[in-house]
Amino acid sequence: MLGRLREKYQTLMQPMGKALGGLGVTANAITTLSLLISCLAAIAYAMRFPLFGALGVIGSGFVDMLDGAVARATGKTTRFGAVYDHVLDRYAEFVILIGIGFGGFVEWYLILFCLLGMVMASFVRAKAESVGGLKSCTVGIAERQEKLILLLAGSVLQVFFSYALLVSVAVVGVLSHITVLQRLNYTYNQIRGLDVGI
């Protein structure tokens, strides 16, 4: 849903991308920094400081938007950079959820349920675009932005409600699995009939 705003925030990030590119900062370095900030967020969650964890998630998300801005501003967009960004995004999601688990906010079975949904949503998209030949398969009720916002909301509300992060992680998990079904259905509708005779 928030993916529709991507063009707008990419335009807003361009000046910062140019400035960082002028300093010699590479997009891949920024992508790596985003993961490191996510690790700090995970440590904060594990130490039961959800608000600091939320700040880390915000910081990681903001830095993650900069890598593409730098790549576009410097004219150094690469296919490897895109793959590297997607892979580290998944690692960032993993460490944040694992940190929440170690903090005791959510039972591990629910953490695994959520992780599986998030992984499979990304996996279906990757396979739809590579094996299925789709140009893009970003459909679905929840992309990465929505999931992070839900975790942020749960982190802030955790200060007032002891079950807030539990509900947040559960909702993210359910929405992720729904997204998997939506992407499978979208892929089927896009390529059905093309497999005739194969």
Foldseek 3Di string as FASTA:
>chain_A
DCVVCLVVVLVVLQVVLLVCVVVVDALLNLLVVLLVLLLVLLQCLLVVNLLSNLVSLVVSVVSLSNSVSNCVNVVNDDPVSVVSNVVSLLSSLLSNLVSNCNSVLAPPVLSVLLNVLLVLLVVLQVCCVPVVVDVGQPDFDDDPVVLSVLCSVLSVCCVVPSNSNHVSSNVSSVRSNRSNVVSVVVSCVVCPPVPVPD
